[in-house]
Amino acid sequence: MGRDWKRLLIYGLALGAGTLALQWLDYNRLARTHSGDFYIVATALGFLALGVWVGTRLLAGPRSAPFDGNPKAQAALGISPRELAVLRELAAGHSNKEIADRLHVSPNTVKTHIARLFEKLQARRRTDAIARARELGLVP
């Protein structure tokens, strides 16, 4: 039984080497007959990559400054950091219960923060508060 595995392994290696040799010869024939085509394709791919790179650099425009939350407006309105966190959650579209779960406070605390935000932003509804906060740059 040991001889059968050795013979099978030798035949497999011989067939693999033969296949590799034939593929190498076929590649050499293809490379010789179409060498000009390979150069054209390589040049085209190089120019394509260069064009994409230059295009992204030129057409990208200026990078916007990172969002800072407009600390001046926040201070002027007297919005606390916790109220700002509630405001961001409001802008993300979360309900009072979801905001309470995310900030680890009670839903009544969230209601209190929202009521204070409505007063400070002079809003009657959530959508008004979010729109006003976006105008002031408090939320992205």
N, C-alpha and C. Protein backbone atom coordinates (compact mmCIF):
# COMPACT_ATOMS: atom_id res chain seq x y z
N MET A 1 0.80 -1.18 0.00
CA MET A 1 0.00 0.00 0.00
C MET A 1 0.85 1.26 0.00
N GLY A 2 2.01 1.26 0.65
CA GLY A 2 2.90 2.40 0.68
C GLY A 2 3.47 2.72 -0.68
N ARG A 3 3.69 1.66 -1.51
CA ARG A 3 4.25 1.88 -2.85
C ARG A 3 3.22 2.56 -3.76
N ASP A 4 1.94 2.25 -3.56
CA ASP A 4 0.90 2.85 -4.41
C ASP A 4 0.84 4.37 -4.18
N TRP A 5 0.96 4.80 -2.94
CA TRP A 5 0.93 6.23 -2.65
C TRP A 5 2.14 6.93 -3.22
N LYS A 6 3.30 6.26 -3.15
CA LYS A 6 4.51 6.87 -3.71
C LYS A 6 4.38 7.00 -5.21
N ARG A 7 3.89 5.95 -5.87
CA ARG A 7 3.72 5.99 -7.32
C ARG A 7 2.71 7.06 -7.70
N LEU A 8 1.61 7.11 -6.97
CA LEU A 8 0.59 8.12 -7.25
C LEU A 8 1.15 9.54 -7.06
N LEU A 9 1.93 9.75 -6.03
CA LEU A 9 2.55 11.04 -5.78
C LEU A 9 3.53 11.41 -6.89
N ILE A 10 4.32 10.46 -7.35
CA ILE A 10 5.28 10.71 -8.43
C ILE A 10 4.54 11.07 -9.72
N TYR A 11 3.48 10.31 -10.06
CA TYR A 11 2.69 10.62 -11.26
C TYR A 11 2.04 12.00 -11.15
N GLY A 12 1.51 12.32 -9.97
CA GLY A 12 0.88 13.63 -9.77
C GLY A 12 1.87 14.76 -9.94
N LEU A 13 3.07 14.60 -9.36
CA LEU A 13 4.10 15.64 -9.51
C LEU A 13 4.55 15.77 -10.96
N ALA A 14 4.68 14.64 -11.66
CA ALA A 14 5.09 14.68 -13.06
C ALA A 14 4.02 15.38 -13.91
N LEU A 15 2.76 15.06 -13.67
CA LEU A 15 1.69 15.72 -14.43
C LEU A 15 1.63 17.21 -14.11
N GLY A 16 1.80 17.57 -12.84
CA GLY A 16 1.80 18.98 -12.47
C GLY A 16 2.95 19.74 -13.13
N ALA A 17 4.15 19.11 -13.14
CA ALA A 17 5.30 19.76 -13.78
C ALA A 17 5.08 19.90 -15.28
N GLY A 18 4.50 18.88 -15.89
CA GLY A 18 4.23 18.96 -17.33
C GLY A 18 3.21 20.05 -17.65
N THR A 19 2.18 20.14 -16.83
CA THR A 19 1.16 21.17 -17.04
C THR A 19 1.77 22.55 -16.87
N LEU A 20 2.60 22.72 -15.86
CA LEU A 20 3.27 24.00 -15.63
C LEU A 20 4.16 24.36 -16.82
N ALA A 21 4.89 23.38 -17.36
CA ALA A 21 5.76 23.64 -18.52
C ALA A 21 4.93 24.04 -19.73
N LEU A 22 3.81 23.37 -19.97
CA LEU A 22 2.96 23.72 -21.12
C LEU A 22 2.36 25.12 -20.95
N GLN A 23 1.94 25.44 -19.75
CA GLN A 23 1.39 26.77 -19.52
C GLN A 23 2.46 27.84 -19.71
N TRP A 24 3.68 27.57 -19.28
CA TRP A 24 4.77 28.52 -19.45
C TRP A 24 5.07 28.73 -20.93
N LEU A 25 5.09 27.65 -21.70
CA LEU A 25 5.32 27.77 -23.13
C LEU A 25 4.19 28.54 -23.80
N ASP A 26 2.95 28.27 -23.40
CA ASP A 26 1.81 28.98 -23.98
C ASP A 26 1.88 30.46 -23.63
N TYR A 27 2.28 30.78 -22.41
CA TYR A 27 2.42 32.17 -22.00
C TYR A 27 3.51 32.86 -22.82
N ASN A 28 4.64 32.17 -23.01
CA ASN A 28 5.72 32.77 -23.80
C ASN A 28 5.28 33.03 -25.24
N ARG A 29 4.55 32.09 -25.83
CA ARG A 29 4.05 32.28 -27.19
C ARG A 29 3.09 33.47 -27.23
N LEU A 30 2.20 33.53 -26.27
CA LEU A 30 1.24 34.63 -26.22
C LEU A 30 1.95 35.97 -26.00
N ALA A 31 2.95 35.97 -25.13
CA ALA A 31 3.68 37.20 -24.84
C ALA A 31 4.45 37.68 -26.07
N ARG A 32 5.00 36.75 -26.83
CA ARG A 32 5.74 37.16 -28.04
C ARG A 32 4.82 37.68 -29.14
N THR A 33 3.68 37.02 -29.32
CA THR A 33 2.81 37.42 -30.42
C THR A 33 2.01 38.68 -30.09
N HIS A 34 1.76 38.93 -28.84
CA HIS A 34 0.95 40.09 -28.46
C HIS A 34 1.68 41.03 -27.51
N SER A 35 2.99 41.12 -27.62
CA SER A 35 3.74 41.97 -26.69
C SER A 35 3.34 43.44 -26.83
N GLY A 36 3.08 43.88 -28.04
CA GLY A 36 2.66 45.28 -28.25
C GLY A 36 1.33 45.56 -27.58
N ASP A 37 0.42 44.58 -27.63
CA ASP A 37 -0.87 44.75 -26.98
C ASP A 37 -0.72 44.87 -25.47
N PHE A 38 0.19 44.08 -24.90
CA PHE A 38 0.41 44.16 -23.46
C PHE A 38 0.92 45.54 -23.07
N TYR A 39 1.83 46.09 -23.88
CA TYR A 39 2.35 47.42 -23.56
C TYR A 39 1.25 48.48 -23.67
N ILE A 40 0.39 48.34 -24.65
CA ILE A 40 -0.70 49.31 -24.83
C ILE A 40 -1.67 49.23 -23.64
N VAL A 41 -2.01 48.01 -23.24
CA VAL A 41 -2.92 47.84 -22.10
C VAL A 41 -2.28 48.36 -20.82
N ALA A 42 -1.00 48.06 -20.61
CA ALA A 42 -0.32 48.53 -19.41
C ALA A 42 -0.25 50.05 -19.38
N THR A 43 0.02 50.67 -20.53
CA THR A 43 0.07 52.13 -20.61
C THR A 43 -1.32 52.72 -20.35
N ALA A 44 -2.35 52.11 -20.96
CA ALA A 44 -3.72 52.60 -20.75
C ALA A 44 -4.12 52.50 -19.29
N LEU A 45 -3.80 51.40 -18.64
CA LEU A 45 -4.14 51.24 -17.22
C LEU A 45 -3.37 52.25 -16.36
N GLY A 46 -2.13 52.52 -16.73
CA GLY A 46 -1.35 53.52 -16.01
C GLY A 46 -1.97 54.90 -16.13
N PHE A 47 -2.36 55.28 -17.36
CA PHE A 47 -3.00 56.58 -17.55
C PHE A 47 -4.36 56.64 -16.87
N LEU A 48 -5.08 55.54 -16.87
CA LEU A 48 -6.37 55.50 -16.18
C LEU A 48 -6.18 55.74 -14.68
N ALA A 49 -5.22 55.05 -14.09
CA ALA A 49 -4.96 55.23 -12.66
C ALA A 49 -4.51 56.66 -12.37
N LEU A 50 -3.65 57.20 -13.22
CA LEU A 50 -3.19 58.57 -13.05
C LEU A 50 -4.36 59.55 -13.17
N GLY A 51 -5.23 59.33 -14.15
CA GLY A 51 -6.39 60.21 -14.34
C GLY A 51 -7.34 60.17 -13.16
N VAL A 52 -7.58 59.00 -12.64
CA VAL A 52 -8.46 58.89 -11.47
C VAL A 52 -7.83 59.59 -10.27
N TRP A 53 -6.55 59.40 -10.07
CA TRP A 53 -5.86 60.03 -8.94
C TRP A 53 -5.89 61.55 -9.06
N VAL A 54 -5.54 62.07 -10.24
CA VAL A 54 -5.53 63.52 -10.45
C VAL A 54 -6.95 64.07 -10.35
N GLY A 55 -7.92 63.35 -10.91
CA GLY A 55 -9.31 63.81 -10.86
C GLY A 55 -9.83 63.91 -9.44
N THR A 56 -9.50 62.95 -8.62
CA THR A 56 -9.97 63.02 -7.24
C THR A 56 -9.29 64.15 -6.48
N ARG A 57 -8.06 64.46 -6.83
CA ARG A 57 -7.35 65.55 -6.15
C ARG A 57 -7.88 66.91 -6.60
N LEU A 58 -8.12 67.07 -7.90
CA LEU A 58 -8.55 68.37 -8.42
C LEU A 58 -10.02 68.65 -8.17
N LEU A 59 -10.87 67.63 -8.31
CA LEU A 59 -12.31 67.85 -8.22
C LEU A 59 -12.86 67.65 -6.82
N ALA A 60 -12.05 67.23 -5.89
CA ALA A 60 -12.54 66.97 -4.53
C ALA A 60 -12.96 68.26 -3.84
N GLY A 61 -12.35 69.35 -4.18
CA GLY A 61 -12.68 70.61 -3.54
C GLY A 61 -12.04 70.70 -2.18
N PRO A 62 -12.24 71.81 -1.52
CA PRO A 62 -11.62 71.98 -0.20
C PRO A 62 -12.31 71.07 0.83
N ARG A 63 -11.52 70.60 1.74
CA ARG A 63 -12.08 69.75 2.80
C ARG A 63 -12.77 70.64 3.82
N SER A 64 -13.92 70.19 4.26
CA SER A 64 -14.66 70.98 5.24
C SER A 64 -14.02 70.82 6.61
N ALA A 65 -14.18 71.85 7.39
CA ALA A 65 -13.64 71.82 8.75
C ALA A 65 -14.43 70.82 9.57
N PRO A 66 -13.80 70.21 10.55
CA PRO A 66 -14.54 69.25 11.37
C PRO A 66 -15.65 69.96 12.15
N PHE A 67 -16.73 69.24 12.38
CA PHE A 67 -17.88 69.80 13.08
C PHE A 67 -17.51 70.07 14.53
N ASP A 68 -17.74 71.31 15.00
CA ASP A 68 -17.37 71.66 16.37
C ASP A 68 -18.58 71.90 17.27
N GLY A 69 -19.78 71.95 16.71
CA GLY A 69 -20.98 72.14 17.54
C GLY A 69 -21.25 73.57 17.93
N ASN A 70 -20.53 74.53 17.35
CA ASN A 70 -20.71 75.96 17.61
C ASN A 70 -20.77 76.26 19.10
N PRO A 71 -19.63 76.19 19.77
CA PRO A 71 -19.62 76.42 21.22
C PRO A 71 -20.09 77.82 21.62
N LYS A 72 -19.92 78.81 20.74
CA LYS A 72 -20.37 80.17 21.07
C LYS A 72 -21.89 80.21 21.19
N ALA A 73 -22.59 79.60 20.22
CA ALA A 73 -24.06 79.58 20.28
C ALA A 73 -24.53 78.74 21.46
N GLN A 74 -23.82 77.66 21.73
CA GLN A 74 -24.17 76.80 22.86
C GLN A 74 -24.06 77.59 24.17
N ALA A 75 -22.98 78.35 24.31
CA ALA A 75 -22.80 79.14 25.53
C ALA A 75 -23.82 80.29 25.60
N ALA A 76 -24.09 80.93 24.47
CA ALA A 76 -25.03 82.05 24.45
C ALA A 76 -26.44 81.61 24.83
N LEU A 77 -26.82 80.42 24.42
CA LEU A 77 -28.16 79.91 24.73
C LEU A 77 -28.21 79.22 26.09
N GLY A 78 -27.05 78.94 26.66
CA GLY A 78 -27.00 78.28 27.96
C GLY A 78 -27.34 76.80 27.88
N ILE A 79 -26.98 76.16 26.80
CA ILE A 79 -27.27 74.74 26.63
C ILE A 79 -26.18 73.93 27.30
N SER A 80 -26.59 73.08 28.22
CA SER A 80 -25.63 72.25 28.96
C SER A 80 -25.15 71.10 28.08
N PRO A 81 -24.02 70.49 28.46
CA PRO A 81 -23.54 69.34 27.67
C PRO A 81 -24.55 68.20 27.60
N ARG A 82 -25.30 67.96 28.69
CA ARG A 82 -26.29 66.89 28.68
C ARG A 82 -27.45 67.24 27.75
N GLU A 83 -27.87 68.51 27.77
CA GLU A 83 -28.92 68.95 26.85
C GLU A 83 -28.45 68.84 25.41
N LEU A 84 -27.19 69.13 25.18
CA LEU A 84 -26.65 68.99 23.83
C LEU A 84 -26.66 67.53 23.40
N ALA A 85 -26.36 66.62 24.31
CA ALA A 85 -26.41 65.19 23.99
C ALA A 85 -27.83 64.78 23.65
N VAL A 86 -28.80 65.28 24.41
CA VAL A 86 -30.21 64.98 24.12
C VAL A 86 -30.59 65.56 22.77
N LEU A 87 -30.11 66.77 22.47
CA LEU A 87 -30.42 67.40 21.19
C LEU A 87 -29.85 66.59 20.02
N ARG A 88 -28.66 66.07 20.18
CA ARG A 88 -28.07 65.24 19.12
C ARG A 88 -28.87 63.97 18.92
N GLU A 89 -29.34 63.39 20.00
CA GLU A 89 -30.18 62.19 19.89
C GLU A 89 -31.51 62.52 19.23
N LEU A 90 -32.06 63.70 19.55
CA LEU A 90 -33.29 64.15 18.89
C LEU A 90 -33.07 64.28 17.39
N ALA A 91 -31.94 64.90 17.03
CA ALA A 91 -31.62 65.09 15.61
C ALA A 91 -31.43 63.76 14.90
N ALA A 92 -31.00 62.74 15.63
CA ALA A 92 -30.83 61.41 15.04
C ALA A 92 -32.16 60.70 14.87
N GLY A 93 -33.24 61.29 15.41
CA GLY A 93 -34.57 60.72 15.22
C GLY A 93 -34.99 59.71 16.27
N HIS A 94 -34.36 59.72 17.42
CA HIS A 94 -34.70 58.76 18.47
C HIS A 94 -35.86 59.24 19.32
N SER A 95 -36.61 58.30 19.86
CA SER A 95 -37.72 58.62 20.76
C SER A 95 -37.18 58.92 22.15
N ASN A 96 -38.07 59.42 23.02
CA ASN A 96 -37.65 59.73 24.39
C ASN A 96 -37.12 58.49 25.09
N LYS A 97 -37.80 57.36 24.90
CA LYS A 97 -37.36 56.12 25.56
C LYS A 97 -36.00 55.68 25.04
N GLU A 98 -35.79 55.79 23.73
CA GLU A 98 -34.49 55.42 23.16
C GLU A 98 -33.39 56.35 23.67
N ILE A 99 -33.70 57.63 23.76
CA ILE A 99 -32.71 58.59 24.26
C ILE A 99 -32.37 58.26 25.72
N ALA A 100 -33.40 57.95 26.50
CA ALA A 100 -33.17 57.61 27.90
C ALA A 100 -32.28 56.37 28.01
N ASP A 101 -32.54 55.37 27.19
CA ASP A 101 -31.72 54.15 27.21
C ASP A 101 -30.28 54.45 26.80
N ARG A 102 -30.11 55.26 25.77
CA ARG A 102 -28.77 55.56 25.27
C ARG A 102 -27.96 56.40 26.25
N LEU A 103 -28.62 57.32 26.93
CA LEU A 103 -27.91 58.22 27.85
C LEU A 103 -27.95 57.74 29.30
N HIS A 104 -28.63 56.62 29.53
CA HIS A 104 -28.70 56.01 30.87
C HIS A 104 -29.35 56.95 31.89
N VAL A 105 -30.47 57.55 31.47
CA VAL A 105 -31.25 58.39 32.36
C VAL A 105 -32.71 57.95 32.26
N SER A 106 -33.56 58.53 33.09
CA SER A 106 -34.98 58.15 33.04
C SER A 106 -35.67 58.93 31.92
N PRO A 107 -36.77 58.39 31.41
CA PRO A 107 -37.52 59.13 30.39
C PRO A 107 -38.01 60.49 30.87
N ASN A 108 -38.31 60.62 32.18
CA ASN A 108 -38.73 61.93 32.71
C ASN A 108 -37.60 62.95 32.62
N THR A 109 -36.38 62.51 32.85
CA THR A 109 -35.24 63.41 32.72
C THR A 109 -35.10 63.88 31.27
N VAL A 110 -35.31 62.96 30.34
CA VAL A 110 -35.24 63.32 28.93
C VAL A 110 -36.32 64.35 28.61
N LYS A 111 -37.54 64.14 29.12
CA LYS A 111 -38.63 65.10 28.88
C LYS A 111 -38.27 66.49 29.42
N THR A 112 -37.64 66.51 30.59
CA THR A 112 -37.23 67.79 31.18
C THR A 112 -36.19 68.49 30.30
N HIS A 113 -35.20 67.73 29.84
CA HIS A 113 -34.17 68.31 28.96
C HIS A 113 -34.80 68.83 27.66
N ILE A 114 -35.72 68.07 27.11
CA ILE A 114 -36.36 68.49 25.86
C ILE A 114 -37.18 69.76 26.09
N ALA A 115 -37.88 69.84 27.20
CA ALA A 115 -38.66 71.05 27.50
C ALA A 115 -37.75 72.27 27.62
N ARG A 116 -36.61 72.09 28.28
CA ARG A 116 -35.66 73.21 28.40
C ARG A 116 -35.07 73.58 27.04
N LEU A 117 -34.80 72.58 26.22
CA LEU A 117 -34.29 72.86 24.86
C LEU A 117 -35.31 73.64 24.05
N PHE A 118 -36.59 73.26 24.18
CA PHE A 118 -37.63 73.98 23.45
C PHE A 118 -37.65 75.45 23.87
N GLU A 119 -37.51 75.72 25.17
CA GLU A 119 -37.48 77.10 25.65
C GLU A 119 -36.27 77.84 25.10
N LYS A 120 -35.10 77.22 25.19
CA LYS A 120 -33.86 77.89 24.79
C LYS A 120 -33.79 78.10 23.28
N LEU A 121 -34.36 77.19 22.51
CA LEU A 121 -34.33 77.29 21.05
C LEU A 121 -35.58 77.97 20.50
N GLN A 122 -36.49 78.34 21.38
CA GLN A 122 -37.76 78.98 21.00
C GLN A 122 -38.49 78.11 19.97
N ALA A 123 -38.70 76.86 20.36
CA ALA A 123 -39.36 75.91 19.47
C ALA A 123 -40.60 75.34 20.17
N ARG A 124 -41.55 74.89 19.34
CA ARG A 124 -42.76 74.27 19.88
C ARG A 124 -42.77 72.76 19.67
N ARG A 125 -42.06 72.32 18.65
CA ARG A 125 -42.04 70.89 18.31
C ARG A 125 -40.60 70.44 18.14
N ARG A 126 -40.43 69.12 18.10
CA ARG A 126 -39.10 68.54 17.89
C ARG A 126 -38.50 69.01 16.57
N THR A 127 -39.31 69.02 15.53
CA THR A 127 -38.79 69.41 14.21
C THR A 127 -38.31 70.85 14.21
N ASP A 128 -39.05 71.73 14.92
CA ASP A 128 -38.63 73.13 15.03
C ASP A 128 -37.30 73.24 15.77
N ALA A 129 -37.18 72.47 16.85
CA ALA A 129 -35.95 72.52 17.66
C ALA A 129 -34.76 72.01 16.84
N ILE A 130 -34.96 70.94 16.10
CA ILE A 130 -33.87 70.38 15.29
C ILE A 130 -33.48 71.35 14.18
N ALA A 131 -34.49 71.95 13.53
CA ALA A 131 -34.20 72.90 12.46
C ALA A 131 -33.43 74.10 13.00
N ARG A 132 -33.85 74.60 14.15
CA ARG A 132 -33.16 75.76 14.76
C ARG A 132 -31.74 75.39 15.18
N ALA A 133 -31.58 74.19 15.73
CA ALA A 133 -30.23 73.74 16.13
C ALA A 133 -29.32 73.58 14.92
N ARG A 134 -29.87 73.12 13.81
CA ARG A 134 -29.05 73.00 12.59
C ARG A 134 -28.68 74.38 12.04
N GLU A 135 -29.61 75.32 12.12
CA GLU A 135 -29.32 76.69 11.68
C GLU A 135 -28.17 77.28 12.48
N LEU A 136 -28.17 77.01 13.78
CA LEU A 136 -27.15 77.55 14.67
C LEU A 136 -25.86 76.74 14.64
N GLY A 137 -25.89 75.59 14.00
CA GLY A 137 -24.69 74.75 13.92
C GLY A 137 -24.45 73.94 15.17
N LEU A 138 -25.50 73.71 15.96
CA LEU A 138 -25.34 72.91 17.17
C LEU A 138 -25.29 71.41 16.88
N VAL A 139 -25.99 71.01 15.83
CA VAL A 139 -25.97 69.60 15.40
C VAL A 139 -25.66 69.57 13.90
N PRO A 140 -25.03 68.51 13.45
CA PRO A 140 -24.69 68.43 12.02
C PRO A 140 -25.91 68.22 11.15
